[in-house]
Amino acid sequence: APGKQREFVADITSNGRTSYADSVK
């Protein structure tokens, strides 16, 4: 976001395991 650092949102491994930031869960 403007004026903020880049932050993690979500990711997924090649076998389908997912992770999310608390703000978007």
PDBML (XML) file of the C-alpha atoms, coordinates in Angstrom:
<?xml version="1.0" encoding="UTF-8" ?>
<PDBx:datablock datablockName="MODEL"
   xmlns:PDBx="http://pdbml.pdb.org/schema/pdbx-v50.xsd"
   xmlns:xsi="http://www.w3.org/2001/XMLSchema-instance"
   xsi:schemaLocation="http://pdbml.pdb.org/schema/pdbx-v50.xsd pdbx-v50.xsd">
   <PDBx:atom_siteCategory>
      <PDBx:atom_site id="1">
         <PDBx:B_iso_or_equiv>0.00</PDBx:B_iso_or_equiv>
         <PDBx:Cartn_x>0.000</PDBx:Cartn_x>
         <PDBx:Cartn_y>0.000</PDBx:Cartn_y>
         <PDBx:Cartn_z>0.000</PDBx:Cartn_z>
         <PDBx:auth_asym_id>A</PDBx:auth_asym_id>
         <PDBx:auth_atom_id>CA</PDBx:auth_atom_id>
         <PDBx:auth_comp_id>ALA</PDBx:auth_comp_id>
         <PDBx:auth_seq_id>1</PDBx:auth_seq_id>
         <PDBx:group_PDB>ATOM</PDBx:group_PDB>
         <PDBx:label_alt_id xsi:nil="true" />
         <PDBx:label_asym_id>A</PDBx:label_asym_id>
         <PDBx:label_atom_id>CA</PDBx:label_atom_id>
         <PDBx:label_comp_id>ALA</PDBx:label_comp_id>
         <PDBx:label_entity_id>1</PDBx:label_entity_id>
         <PDBx:label_seq_id>1</PDBx:label_seq_id>
         <PDBx:occupancy>1.00</PDBx:occupancy>
         <PDBx:pdbx_PDB_model_num>1</PDBx:pdbx_PDB_model_num>
         <PDBx:type_symbol>C</PDBx:type_symbol>
      </PDBx:atom_site>
      <PDBx:atom_site id="2">
         <PDBx:B_iso_or_equiv>0.00</PDBx:B_iso_or_equiv>
         <PDBx:Cartn_x>1.161</PDBx:Cartn_x>
         <PDBx:Cartn_y>3.618</PDBx:Cartn_y>
         <PDBx:Cartn_z>-0.460</PDBx:Cartn_z>
         <PDBx:auth_asym_id>A</PDBx:auth_asym_id>
         <PDBx:auth_atom_id>CA</PDBx:auth_atom_id>
         <PDBx:auth_comp_id>PRO</PDBx:auth_comp_id>
         <PDBx:auth_seq_id>2</PDBx:auth_seq_id>
         <PDBx:group_PDB>ATOM</PDBx:group_PDB>
         <PDBx:label_alt_id xsi:nil="true" />
         <PDBx:label_asym_id>A</PDBx:label_asym_id>
         <PDBx:label_atom_id>CA</PDBx:label_atom_id>
         <PDBx:label_comp_id>PRO</PDBx:label_comp_id>
         <PDBx:label_entity_id>1</PDBx:label_entity_id>
         <PDBx:label_seq_id>2</PDBx:label_seq_id>
         <PDBx:occupancy>1.00</PDBx:occupancy>
         <PDBx:pdbx_PDB_model_num>1</PDBx:pdbx_PDB_model_num>
         <PDBx:type_symbol>C</PDBx:type_symbol>
      </PDBx:atom_site>
      <PDBx:atom_site id="3">
         <PDBx:B_iso_or_equiv>0.00</PDBx:B_iso_or_equiv>
         <PDBx:Cartn_x>3.698</PDBx:Cartn_x>
         <PDBx:Cartn_y>4.554</PDBx:Cartn_y>
         <PDBx:Cartn_z>2.201</PDBx:Cartn_z>
         <PDBx:auth_asym_id>A</PDBx:auth_asym_id>
         <PDBx:auth_atom_id>CA</PDBx:auth_atom_id>
         <PDBx:auth_comp_id>GLY</PDBx:auth_comp_id>
         <PDBx:auth_seq_id>3</PDBx:auth_seq_id>
         <PDBx:group_PDB>ATOM</PDBx:group_PDB>
         <PDBx:label_alt_id xsi:nil="true" />
         <PDBx:label_asym_id>A</PDBx:label_asym_id>
         <PDBx:label_atom_id>CA</PDBx:label_atom_id>
         <PDBx:label_comp_id>GLY</PDBx:label_comp_id>
         <PDBx:label_entity_id>1</PDBx:label_entity_id>
         <PDBx:label_seq_id>3</PDBx:label_seq_id>
         <PDBx:occupancy>1.00</PDBx:occupancy>
         <PDBx:pdbx_PDB_model_num>1</PDBx:pdbx_PDB_model_num>
         <PDBx:type_symbol>C</PDBx:type_symbol>
      </PDBx:atom_site>
      <PDBx:atom_site id="4">
         <PDBx:B_iso_or_equiv>0.00</PDBx:B_iso_or_equiv>
         <PDBx:Cartn_x>3.881</PDBx:Cartn_x>
         <PDBx:Cartn_y>1.024</PDBx:Cartn_y>
         <PDBx:Cartn_z>3.579</PDBx:Cartn_z>
         <PDBx:auth_asym_id>A</PDBx:auth_asym_id>
         <PDBx:auth_atom_id>CA</PDBx:auth_atom_id>
         <PDBx:auth_comp_id>LYS</PDBx:auth_comp_id>
         <PDBx:auth_seq_id>4</PDBx:auth_seq_id>
         <PDBx:group_PDB>ATOM</PDBx:group_PDB>
         <PDBx:label_alt_id xsi:nil="true" />
         <PDBx:label_asym_id>A</PDBx:label_asym_id>
         <PDBx:label_atom_id>CA</PDBx:label_atom_id>
         <PDBx:label_comp_id>LYS</PDBx:label_comp_id>
         <PDBx:label_entity_id>1</PDBx:label_entity_id>
         <PDBx:label_seq_id>4</PDBx:label_seq_id>
         <PDBx:occupancy>1.00</PDBx:occupancy>
         <PDBx:pdbx_PDB_model_num>1</PDBx:pdbx_PDB_model_num>
         <PDBx:type_symbol>C</PDBx:type_symbol>
      </PDBx:atom_site>
      <PDBx:atom_site id="5">
         <PDBx:B_iso_or_equiv>0.00</PDBx:B_iso_or_equiv>
         <PDBx:Cartn_x>6.233</PDBx:Cartn_x>
         <PDBx:Cartn_y>-1.919</PDBx:Cartn_y>
         <PDBx:Cartn_z>3.236</PDBx:Cartn_z>
         <PDBx:auth_asym_id>A</PDBx:auth_asym_id>
         <PDBx:auth_atom_id>CA</PDBx:auth_atom_id>
         <PDBx:auth_comp_id>GLN</PDBx:auth_comp_id>
         <PDBx:auth_seq_id>5</PDBx:auth_seq_id>
         <PDBx:group_PDB>ATOM</PDBx:group_PDB>
         <PDBx:label_alt_id xsi:nil="true" />
         <PDBx:label_asym_id>A</PDBx:label_asym_id>
         <PDBx:label_atom_id>CA</PDBx:label_atom_id>
         <PDBx:label_comp_id>GLN</PDBx:label_comp_id>
         <PDBx:label_entity_id>1</PDBx:label_entity_id>
         <PDBx:label_seq_id>5</PDBx:label_seq_id>
         <PDBx:occupancy>1.00</PDBx:occupancy>
         <PDBx:pdbx_PDB_model_num>1</PDBx:pdbx_PDB_model_num>
         <PDBx:type_symbol>C</PDBx:type_symbol>
      </PDBx:atom_site>
      <PDBx:atom_site id="6">
         <PDBx:B_iso_or_equiv>0.00</PDBx:B_iso_or_equiv>
         <PDBx:Cartn_x>5.410</PDBx:Cartn_x>
         <PDBx:Cartn_y>-4.862</PDBx:Cartn_y>
         <PDBx:Cartn_z>1.034</PDBx:Cartn_z>
         <PDBx:auth_asym_id>A</PDBx:auth_asym_id>
         <PDBx:auth_atom_id>CA</PDBx:auth_atom_id>
         <PDBx:auth_comp_id>ARG</PDBx:auth_comp_id>
         <PDBx:auth_seq_id>6</PDBx:auth_seq_id>
         <PDBx:group_PDB>ATOM</PDBx:group_PDB>
         <PDBx:label_alt_id xsi:nil="true" />
         <PDBx:label_asym_id>A</PDBx:label_asym_id>
         <PDBx:label_atom_id>CA</PDBx:label_atom_id>
         <PDBx:label_comp_id>ARG</PDBx:label_comp_id>
         <PDBx:label_entity_id>1</PDBx:label_entity_id>
         <PDBx:label_seq_id>6</PDBx:label_seq_id>
         <PDBx:occupancy>1.00</PDBx:occupancy>
         <PDBx:pdbx_PDB_model_num>1</PDBx:pdbx_PDB_model_num>
         <PDBx:type_symbol>C</PDBx:type_symbol>
      </PDBx:atom_site>
      <PDBx:atom_site id="7">
         <PDBx:B_iso_or_equiv>0.00</PDBx:B_iso_or_equiv>
         <PDBx:Cartn_x>3.607</PDBx:Cartn_x>
         <PDBx:Cartn_y>-7.527</PDBx:Cartn_y>
         <PDBx:Cartn_z>3.043</PDBx:Cartn_z>
         <PDBx:auth_asym_id>A</PDBx:auth_asym_id>
         <PDBx:auth_atom_id>CA</PDBx:auth_atom_id>
         <PDBx:auth_comp_id>GLU</PDBx:auth_comp_id>
         <PDBx:auth_seq_id>7</PDBx:auth_seq_id>
         <PDBx:group_PDB>ATOM</PDBx:group_PDB>
         <PDBx:label_alt_id xsi:nil="true" />
         <PDBx:label_asym_id>A</PDBx:label_asym_id>
         <PDBx:label_atom_id>CA</PDBx:label_atom_id>
         <PDBx:label_comp_id>GLU</PDBx:label_comp_id>
         <PDBx:label_entity_id>1</PDBx:label_entity_id>
         <PDBx:label_seq_id>7</PDBx:label_seq_id>
         <PDBx:occupancy>1.00</PDBx:occupancy>
         <PDBx:pdbx_PDB_model_num>1</PDBx:pdbx_PDB_model_num>
         <PDBx:type_symbol>C</PDBx:type_symbol>
      </PDBx:atom_site>
      <PDBx:atom_site id="8">
         <PDBx:B_iso_or_equiv>0.00</PDBx:B_iso_or_equiv>
         <PDBx:Cartn_x>2.773</PDBx:Cartn_x>
         <PDBx:Cartn_y>-11.191</PDBx:Cartn_y>
         <PDBx:Cartn_z>2.687</PDBx:Cartn_z>
         <PDBx:auth_asym_id>A</PDBx:auth_asym_id>
         <PDBx:auth_atom_id>CA</PDBx:auth_atom_id>
         <PDBx:auth_comp_id>PHE</PDBx:auth_comp_id>
         <PDBx:auth_seq_id>8</PDBx:auth_seq_id>
         <PDBx:group_PDB>ATOM</PDBx:group_PDB>
         <PDBx:label_alt_id xsi:nil="true" />
         <PDBx:label_asym_id>A</PDBx:label_asym_id>
         <PDBx:label_atom_id>CA</PDBx:label_atom_id>
         <PDBx:label_comp_id>PHE</PDBx:label_comp_id>
         <PDBx:label_entity_id>1</PDBx:label_entity_id>
         <PDBx:label_seq_id>8</PDBx:label_seq_id>
         <PDBx:occupancy>1.00</PDBx:occupancy>
         <PDBx:pdbx_PDB_model_num>1</PDBx:pdbx_PDB_model_num>
         <PDBx:type_symbol>C</PDBx:type_symbol>
      </PDBx:atom_site>
      <PDBx:atom_site id="9">
         <PDBx:B_iso_or_equiv>0.00</PDBx:B_iso_or_equiv>
         <PDBx:Cartn_x>-0.802</PDBx:Cartn_x>
         <PDBx:Cartn_y>-12.062</PDBx:Cartn_y>
         <PDBx:Cartn_z>1.679</PDBx:Cartn_z>
         <PDBx:auth_asym_id>A</PDBx:auth_asym_id>
         <PDBx:auth_atom_id>CA</PDBx:auth_atom_id>
         <PDBx:auth_comp_id>VAL</PDBx:auth_comp_id>
         <PDBx:auth_seq_id>9</PDBx:auth_seq_id>
         <PDBx:group_PDB>ATOM</PDBx:group_PDB>
         <PDBx:label_alt_id xsi:nil="true" />
         <PDBx:label_asym_id>A</PDBx:label_asym_id>
         <PDBx:label_atom_id>CA</PDBx:label_atom_id>
         <PDBx:label_comp_id>VAL</PDBx:label_comp_id>
         <PDBx:label_entity_id>1</PDBx:label_entity_id>
         <PDBx:label_seq_id>9</PDBx:label_seq_id>
         <PDBx:occupancy>1.00</PDBx:occupancy>
         <PDBx:pdbx_PDB_model_num>1</PDBx:pdbx_PDB_model_num>
         <PDBx:type_symbol>C</PDBx:type_symbol>
      </PDBx:atom_site>
      <PDBx:atom_site id="10">
         <PDBx:B_iso_or_equiv>0.00</PDBx:B_iso_or_equiv>
         <PDBx:Cartn_x>-0.883</PDBx:Cartn_x>
         <PDBx:Cartn_y>-15.772</PDBx:Cartn_y>
         <PDBx:Cartn_z>0.854</PDBx:Cartn_z>
         <PDBx:auth_asym_id>A</PDBx:auth_asym_id>
         <PDBx:auth_atom_id>CA</PDBx:auth_atom_id>
         <PDBx:auth_comp_id>ALA</PDBx:auth_comp_id>
         <PDBx:auth_seq_id>10</PDBx:auth_seq_id>
         <PDBx:group_PDB>ATOM</PDBx:group_PDB>
         <PDBx:label_alt_id xsi:nil="true" />
         <PDBx:label_asym_id>A</PDBx:label_asym_id>
         <PDBx:label_atom_id>CA</PDBx:label_atom_id>
         <PDBx:label_comp_id>ALA</PDBx:label_comp_id>
         <PDBx:label_entity_id>1</PDBx:label_entity_id>
         <PDBx:label_seq_id>10</PDBx:label_seq_id>
         <PDBx:occupancy>1.00</PDBx:occupancy>
         <PDBx:pdbx_PDB_model_num>1</PDBx:pdbx_PDB_model_num>
         <PDBx:type_symbol>C</PDBx:type_symbol>
      </PDBx:atom_site>
      <PDBx:atom_site id="11">
         <PDBx:B_iso_or_equiv>0.00</PDBx:B_iso_or_equiv>
         <PDBx:Cartn_x>1.112</PDBx:Cartn_x>
         <PDBx:Cartn_y>-18.555</PDBx:Cartn_y>
         <PDBx:Cartn_z>-0.732</PDBx:Cartn_z>
         <PDBx:auth_asym_id>A</PDBx:auth_asym_id>
         <PDBx:auth_atom_id>CA</PDBx:auth_atom_id>
         <PDBx:auth_comp_id>ASP</PDBx:auth_comp_id>
         <PDBx:auth_seq_id>11</PDBx:auth_seq_id>
         <PDBx:group_PDB>ATOM</PDBx:group_PDB>
         <PDBx:label_alt_id xsi:nil="true" />
         <PDBx:label_asym_id>A</PDBx:label_asym_id>
         <PDBx:label_atom_id>CA</PDBx:label_atom_id>
         <PDBx:label_comp_id>ASP</PDBx:label_comp_id>
         <PDBx:label_entity_id>1</PDBx:label_entity_id>
         <PDBx:label_seq_id>11</PDBx:label_seq_id>
         <PDBx:occupancy>1.00</PDBx:occupancy>
         <PDBx:pdbx_PDB_model_num>1</PDBx:pdbx_PDB_model_num>
         <PDBx:type_symbol>C</PDBx:type_symbol>
      </PDBx:atom_site>
      <PDBx:atom_site id="12">
         <PDBx:B_iso_or_equiv>0.00</PDBx:B_iso_or_equiv>
         <PDBx:Cartn_x>0.697</PDBx:Cartn_x>
         <PDBx:Cartn_y>-22.103</PDBx:Cartn_y>
         <PDBx:Cartn_z>-1.954</PDBx:Cartn_z>
         <PDBx:auth_asym_id>A</PDBx:auth_asym_id>
         <PDBx:auth_atom_id>CA</PDBx:auth_atom_id>
         <PDBx:auth_comp_id>ILE</PDBx:auth_comp_id>
         <PDBx:auth_seq_id>12</PDBx:auth_seq_id>
         <PDBx:group_PDB>ATOM</PDBx:group_PDB>
         <PDBx:label_alt_id xsi:nil="true" />
         <PDBx:label_asym_id>A</PDBx:label_asym_id>
         <PDBx:label_atom_id>CA</PDBx:label_atom_id>
         <PDBx:label_comp_id>ILE</PDBx:label_comp_id>
         <PDBx:label_entity_id>1</PDBx:label_entity_id>
         <PDBx:label_seq_id>12</PDBx:label_seq_id>
         <PDBx:occupancy>1.00</PDBx:occupancy>
         <PDBx:pdbx_PDB_model_num>1</PDBx:pdbx_PDB_model_num>
         <PDBx:type_symbol>C</PDBx:type_symbol>
      </PDBx:atom_site>
      <PDBx:atom_site id="13">
         <PDBx:B_iso_or_equiv>0.00</PDBx:B_iso_or_equiv>
         <PDBx:Cartn_x>3.202</PDBx:Cartn_x>
         <PDBx:Cartn_y>-24.900</PDBx:Cartn_y>
         <PDBx:Cartn_z>-2.452</PDBx:Cartn_z>
         <PDBx:auth_asym_id>A</PDBx:auth_asym_id>
         <PDBx:auth_atom_id>CA</PDBx:auth_atom_id>
         <PDBx:auth_comp_id>THR</PDBx:auth_comp_id>
         <PDBx:auth_seq_id>13</PDBx:auth_seq_id>
         <PDBx:group_PDB>ATOM</PDBx:group_PDB>
         <PDBx:label_alt_id xsi:nil="true" />
         <PDBx:label_asym_id>A</PDBx:label_asym_id>
         <PDBx:label_atom_id>CA</PDBx:label_atom_id>
         <PDBx:label_comp_id>THR</PDBx:label_comp_id>
         <PDBx:label_entity_id>1</PDBx:label_entity_id>
         <PDBx:label_seq_id>13</PDBx:label_seq_id>
         <PDBx:occupancy>1.00</PDBx:occupancy>
         <PDBx:pdbx_PDB_model_num>1</PDBx:pdbx_PDB_model_num>
         <PDBx:type_symbol>C</PDBx:type_symbol>
      </PDBx:atom_site>
      <PDBx:atom_site id="14">
         <PDBx:B_iso_or_equiv>0.00</PDBx:B_iso_or_equiv>
         <PDBx:Cartn_x>3.348</PDBx:Cartn_x>
         <PDBx:Cartn_y>-27.070</PDBx:Cartn_y>
         <PDBx:Cartn_z>-5.550</PDBx:Cartn_z>
         <PDBx:auth_asym_id>A</PDBx:auth_asym_id>
         <PDBx:auth_atom_id>CA</PDBx:auth_atom_id>
         <PDBx:auth_comp_id>SER</PDBx:auth_comp_id>
         <PDBx:auth_seq_id>14</PDBx:auth_seq_id>
         <PDBx:group_PDB>ATOM</PDBx:group_PDB>
         <PDBx:label_alt_id xsi:nil="true" />
         <PDBx:label_asym_id>A</PDBx:label_asym_id>
         <PDBx:label_atom_id>CA</PDBx:label_atom_id>
         <PDBx:label_comp_id>SER</PDBx:label_comp_id>
         <PDBx:label_entity_id>1</PDBx:label_entity_id>
         <PDBx:label_seq_id>14</PDBx:label_seq_id>
         <PDBx:occupancy>1.00</PDBx:occupancy>
         <PDBx:pdbx_PDB_model_num>1</PDBx:pdbx_PDB_model_num>
         <PDBx:type_symbol>C</PDBx:type_symbol>
      </PDBx:atom_site>
      <PDBx:atom_site id="15">
         <PDBx:B_iso_or_equiv>0.00</PDBx:B_iso_or_equiv>
         <PDBx:Cartn_x>1.530</PDBx:Cartn_x>
         <PDBx:Cartn_y>-29.812</PDBx:Cartn_y>
         <PDBx:Cartn_z>-3.594</PDBx:Cartn_z>
         <PDBx:auth_asym_id>A</PDBx:auth_asym_id>
         <PDBx:auth_atom_id>CA</PDBx:auth_atom_id>
         <PDBx:auth_comp_id>ASN</PDBx:auth_comp_id>
         <PDBx:auth_seq_id>15</PDBx:auth_seq_id>
         <PDBx:group_PDB>ATOM</PDBx:group_PDB>
         <PDBx:label_alt_id xsi:nil="true" />
         <PDBx:label_asym_id>A</PDBx:label_asym_id>
         <PDBx:label_atom_id>CA</PDBx:label_atom_id>
         <PDBx:label_comp_id>ASN</PDBx:label_comp_id>
         <PDBx:label_entity_id>1</PDBx:label_entity_id>
         <PDBx:label_seq_id>15</PDBx:label_seq_id>
         <PDBx:occupancy>1.00</PDBx:occupancy>
         <PDBx:pdbx_PDB_model_num>1</PDBx:pdbx_PDB_model_num>
         <PDBx:type_symbol>C</PDBx:type_symbol>
      </PDBx:atom_site>
      <PDBx:atom_site id="16">
         <PDBx:B_iso_or_equiv>0.00</PDBx:B_iso_or_equiv>
         <PDBx:Cartn_x>-1.248</PDBx:Cartn_x>
         <PDBx:Cartn_y>-27.464</PDBx:Cartn_y>
         <PDBx:Cartn_z>-2.501</PDBx:Cartn_z>
         <PDBx:auth_asym_id>A</PDBx:auth_asym_id>
         <PDBx:auth_atom_id>CA</PDBx:auth_atom_id>
         <PDBx:auth_comp_id>GLY</PDBx:auth_comp_id>
         <PDBx:auth_seq_id>16</PDBx:auth_seq_id>
         <PDBx:group_PDB>ATOM</PDBx:group_PDB>
         <PDBx:label_alt_id xsi:nil="true" />
         <PDBx:label_asym_id>A</PDBx:label_asym_id>
         <PDBx:label_atom_id>CA</PDBx:label_atom_id>
         <PDBx:label_comp_id>GLY</PDBx:label_comp_id>
         <PDBx:label_entity_id>1</PDBx:label_entity_id>
         <PDBx:label_seq_id>16</PDBx:label_seq_id>
         <PDBx:occupancy>1.00</PDBx:occupancy>
         <PDBx:pdbx_PDB_model_num>1</PDBx:pdbx_PDB_model_num>
         <PDBx:type_symbol>C</PDBx:type_symbol>
      </PDBx:atom_site>
      <PDBx:atom_site id="17">
         <PDBx:B_iso_or_equiv>0.00</PDBx:B_iso_or_equiv>
         <PDBx:Cartn_x>-0.372</PDBx:Cartn_x>
         <PDBx:Cartn_y>-26.421</PDBx:Cartn_y>
         <PDBx:Cartn_z>1.037</PDBx:Cartn_z>
         <PDBx:auth_asym_id>A</PDBx:auth_asym_id>
         <PDBx:auth_atom_id>CA</PDBx:auth_atom_id>
         <PDBx:auth_comp_id>ARG</PDBx:auth_comp_id>
         <PDBx:auth_seq_id>17</PDBx:auth_seq_id>
         <PDBx:group_PDB>ATOM</PDBx:group_PDB>
         <PDBx:label_alt_id xsi:nil="true" />
         <PDBx:label_asym_id>A</PDBx:label_asym_id>
         <PDBx:label_atom_id>CA</PDBx:label_atom_id>
         <PDBx:label_comp_id>ARG</PDBx:label_comp_id>
         <PDBx:label_entity_id>1</PDBx:label_entity_id>
         <PDBx:label_seq_id>17</PDBx:label_seq_id>
         <PDBx:occupancy>1.00</PDBx:occupancy>
         <PDBx:pdbx_PDB_model_num>1</PDBx:pdbx_PDB_model_num>
         <PDBx:type_symbol>C</PDBx:type_symbol>
      </PDBx:atom_site>
      <PDBx:atom_site id="18">
         <PDBx:B_iso_or_equiv>0.00</PDBx:B_iso_or_equiv>
         <PDBx:Cartn_x>-1.570</PDBx:Cartn_x>
         <PDBx:Cartn_y>-22.883</PDBx:Cartn_y>
         <PDBx:Cartn_z>1.706</PDBx:Cartn_z>
         <PDBx:auth_asym_id>A</PDBx:auth_asym_id>
         <PDBx:auth_atom_id>CA</PDBx:auth_atom_id>
         <PDBx:auth_comp_id>THR</PDBx:auth_comp_id>
         <PDBx:auth_seq_id>18</PDBx:auth_seq_id>
         <PDBx:group_PDB>ATOM</PDBx:group_PDB>
         <PDBx:label_alt_id xsi:nil="true" />
         <PDBx:label_asym_id>A</PDBx:label_asym_id>
         <PDBx:label_atom_id>CA</PDBx:label_atom_id>
         <PDBx:label_comp_id>THR</PDBx:label_comp_id>
         <PDBx:label_entity_id>1</PDBx:label_entity_id>
         <PDBx:label_seq_id>18</PDBx:label_seq_id>
         <PDBx:occupancy>1.00</PDBx:occupancy>
         <PDBx:pdbx_PDB_model_num>1</PDBx:pdbx_PDB_model_num>
         <PDBx:type_symbol>C</PDBx:type_symbol>
      </PDBx:atom_site>
      <PDBx:atom_site id="19">
         <PDBx:B_iso_or_equiv>0.00</PDBx:B_iso_or_equiv>
         <PDBx:Cartn_x>-0.685</PDBx:Cartn_x>
         <PDBx:Cartn_y>-20.081</PDBx:Cartn_y>
         <PDBx:Cartn_z>4.114</PDBx:Cartn_z>
         <PDBx:auth_asym_id>A</PDBx:auth_asym_id>
         <PDBx:auth_atom_id>CA</PDBx:auth_atom_id>
         <PDBx:auth_comp_id>SER</PDBx:auth_comp_id>
         <PDBx:auth_seq_id>19</PDBx:auth_seq_id>
         <PDBx:group_PDB>ATOM</PDBx:group_PDB>
         <PDBx:label_alt_id xsi:nil="true" />
         <PDBx:label_asym_id>A</PDBx:label_asym_id>
         <PDBx:label_atom_id>CA</PDBx:label_atom_id>
         <PDBx:label_comp_id>SER</PDBx:label_comp_id>
         <PDBx:label_entity_id>1</PDBx:label_entity_id>
         <PDBx:label_seq_id>19</PDBx:label_seq_id>
         <PDBx:occupancy>1.00</PDBx:occupancy>
         <PDBx:pdbx_PDB_model_num>1</PDBx:pdbx_PDB_model_num>
         <PDBx:type_symbol>C</PDBx:type_symbol>
      </PDBx:atom_site>
      <PDBx:atom_site id="20">
         <PDBx:B_iso_or_equiv>0.00</PDBx:B_iso_or_equiv>
         <PDBx:Cartn_x>-2.465</PDBx:Cartn_x>
         <PDBx:Cartn_y>-16.780</PDBx:Cartn_y>
         <PDBx:Cartn_z>4.719</PDBx:Cartn_z>
         <PDBx:auth_asym_id>A</PDBx:auth_asym_id>
         <PDBx:auth_atom_id>CA</PDBx:auth_atom_id>
         <PDBx:auth_comp_id>TYR</PDBx:auth_comp_id>
         <PDBx:auth_seq_id>20</PDBx:auth_seq_id>
         <PDBx:group_PDB>ATOM</PDBx:group_PDB>
         <PDBx:label_alt_id xsi:nil="true" />
         <PDBx:label_asym_id>A</PDBx:label_asym_id>
         <PDBx:label_atom_id>CA</PDBx:label_atom_id>
         <PDBx:label_comp_id>TYR</PDBx:label_comp_id>
         <PDBx:label_entity_id>1</PDBx:label_entity_id>
         <PDBx:label_seq_id>20</PDBx:label_seq_id>
         <PDBx:occupancy>1.00</PDBx:occupancy>
         <PDBx:pdbx_PDB_model_num>1</PDBx:pdbx_PDB_model_num>
         <PDBx:type_symbol>C</PDBx:type_symbol>
      </PDBx:atom_site>
      <PDBx:atom_site id="21">
         <PDBx:B_iso_or_equiv>0.00</PDBx:B_iso_or_equiv>
         <PDBx:Cartn_x>-1.859</PDBx:Cartn_x>
         <PDBx:Cartn_y>-13.528</PDBx:Cartn_y>
         <PDBx:Cartn_z>6.489</PDBx:Cartn_z>
         <PDBx:auth_asym_id>A</PDBx:auth_asym_id>
         <PDBx:auth_atom_id>CA</PDBx:auth_atom_id>
         <PDBx:auth_comp_id>ALA</PDBx:auth_comp_id>
         <PDBx:auth_seq_id>21</PDBx:auth_seq_id>
         <PDBx:group_PDB>ATOM</PDBx:group_PDB>
         <PDBx:label_alt_id xsi:nil="true" />
         <PDBx:label_asym_id>A</PDBx:label_asym_id>
         <PDBx:label_atom_id>CA</PDBx:label_atom_id>
         <PDBx:label_comp_id>ALA</PDBx:label_comp_id>
         <PDBx:label_entity_id>1</PDBx:label_entity_id>
         <PDBx:label_seq_id>21</PDBx:label_seq_id>
         <PDBx:occupancy>1.00</PDBx:occupancy>
         <PDBx:pdbx_PDB_model_num>1</PDBx:pdbx_PDB_model_num>
         <PDBx:type_symbol>C</PDBx:type_symbol>
      </PDBx:atom_site>
      <PDBx:atom_site id="22">
         <PDBx:B_iso_or_equiv>0.00</PDBx:B_iso_or_equiv>
         <PDBx:Cartn_x>-4.213</PDBx:Cartn_x>
         <PDBx:Cartn_y>-13.096</PDBx:Cartn_y>
         <PDBx:Cartn_z>9.447</PDBx:Cartn_z>
         <PDBx:auth_asym_id>A</PDBx:auth_asym_id>
         <PDBx:auth_atom_id>CA</PDBx:auth_atom_id>
         <PDBx:auth_comp_id>ASP</PDBx:auth_comp_id>
         <PDBx:auth_seq_id>22</PDBx:auth_seq_id>
         <PDBx:group_PDB>ATOM</PDBx:group_PDB>
         <PDBx:label_alt_id xsi:nil="true" />
         <PDBx:label_asym_id>A</PDBx:label_asym_id>
         <PDBx:label_atom_id>CA</PDBx:label_atom_id>
         <PDBx:label_comp_id>ASP</PDBx:label_comp_id>
         <PDBx:label_entity_id>1</PDBx:label_entity_id>
         <PDBx:label_seq_id>22</PDBx:label_seq_id>
         <PDBx:occupancy>1.00</PDBx:occupancy>
         <PDBx:pdbx_PDB_model_num>1</PDBx:pdbx_PDB_model_num>
         <PDBx:type_symbol>C</PDBx:type_symbol>
      </PDBx:atom_site>
      <PDBx:atom_site id="23">
         <PDBx:B_iso_or_equiv>0.00</PDBx:B_iso_or_equiv>
         <PDBx:Cartn_x>-5.691</PDBx:Cartn_x>
         <PDBx:Cartn_y>-9.984</PDBx:Cartn_y>
         <PDBx:Cartn_z>7.849</PDBx:Cartn_z>
         <PDBx:auth_asym_id>A</PDBx:auth_asym_id>
         <PDBx:auth_atom_id>CA</PDBx:auth_atom_id>
         <PDBx:auth_comp_id>SER</PDBx:auth_comp_id>
         <PDBx:auth_seq_id>23</PDBx:auth_seq_id>
         <PDBx:group_PDB>ATOM</PDBx:group_PDB>
         <PDBx:label_alt_id xsi:nil="true" />
         <PDBx:label_asym_id>A</PDBx:label_asym_id>
         <PDBx:label_atom_id>CA</PDBx:label_atom_id>
         <PDBx:label_comp_id>SER</PDBx:label_comp_id>
         <PDBx:label_entity_id>1</PDBx:label_entity_id>
         <PDBx:label_seq_id>23</PDBx:label_seq_id>
         <PDBx:occupancy>1.00</PDBx:occupancy>
         <PDBx:pdbx_PDB_model_num>1</PDBx:pdbx_PDB_model_num>
         <PDBx:type_symbol>C</PDBx:type_symbol>
      </PDBx:atom_site>
      <PDBx:atom_site id="24">
         <PDBx:B_iso_or_equiv>0.00</PDBx:B_iso_or_equiv>
         <PDBx:Cartn_x>-7.088</PDBx:Cartn_x>
         <PDBx:Cartn_y>-11.954</PDBx:Cartn_y>
         <PDBx:Cartn_z>4.896</PDBx:Cartn_z>
         <PDBx:auth_asym_id>A</PDBx:auth_asym_id>
         <PDBx:auth_atom_id>CA</PDBx:auth_atom_id>
         <PDBx:auth_comp_id>VAL</PDBx:auth_comp_id>
         <PDBx:auth_seq_id>24</PDBx:auth_seq_id>
         <PDBx:group_PDB>ATOM</PDBx:group_PDB>
         <PDBx:label_alt_id xsi:nil="true" />
         <PDBx:label_asym_id>A</PDBx:label_asym_id>
         <PDBx:label_atom_id>CA</PDBx:label_atom_id>
         <PDBx:label_comp_id>VAL</PDBx:label_comp_id>
         <PDBx:label_entity_id>1</PDBx:label_entity_id>
         <PDBx:label_seq_id>24</PDBx:label_seq_id>
         <PDBx:occupancy>1.00</PDBx:occupancy>
         <PDBx:pdbx_PDB_model_num>1</PDBx:pdbx_PDB_model_num>
         <PDBx:type_symbol>C</PDBx:type_symbol>
      </PDBx:atom_site>
      <PDBx:atom_site id="25">
         <PDBx:B_iso_or_equiv>0.00</PDBx:B_iso_or_equiv>
         <PDBx:Cartn_x>-7.981</PDBx:Cartn_x>
         <PDBx:Cartn_y>-15.316</PDBx:Cartn_y>
         <PDBx:Cartn_z>6.463</PDBx:Cartn_z>
         <PDBx:auth_asym_id>A</PDBx:auth_asym_id>
         <PDBx:auth_atom_id>CA</PDBx:auth_atom_id>
         <PDBx:auth_comp_id>LYS</PDBx:auth_comp_id>
         <PDBx:auth_seq_id>25</PDBx:auth_seq_id>
         <PDBx:group_PDB>ATOM</PDBx:group_PDB>
         <PDBx:label_alt_id xsi:nil="true" />
         <PDBx:label_asym_id>A</PDBx:label_asym_id>
         <PDBx:label_atom_id>CA</PDBx:label_atom_id>
         <PDBx:label_comp_id>LYS</PDBx:label_comp_id>
         <PDBx:label_entity_id>1</PDBx:label_entity_id>
         <PDBx:label_seq_id>25</PDBx:label_seq_id>
         <PDBx:occupancy>1.00</PDBx:occupancy>
         <PDBx:pdbx_PDB_model_num>1</PDBx:pdbx_PDB_model_num>
         <PDBx:type_symbol>C</PDBx:type_symbol>
      </PDBx:atom_site>
   </PDBx:atom_siteCategory>
</PDBx:datablock>
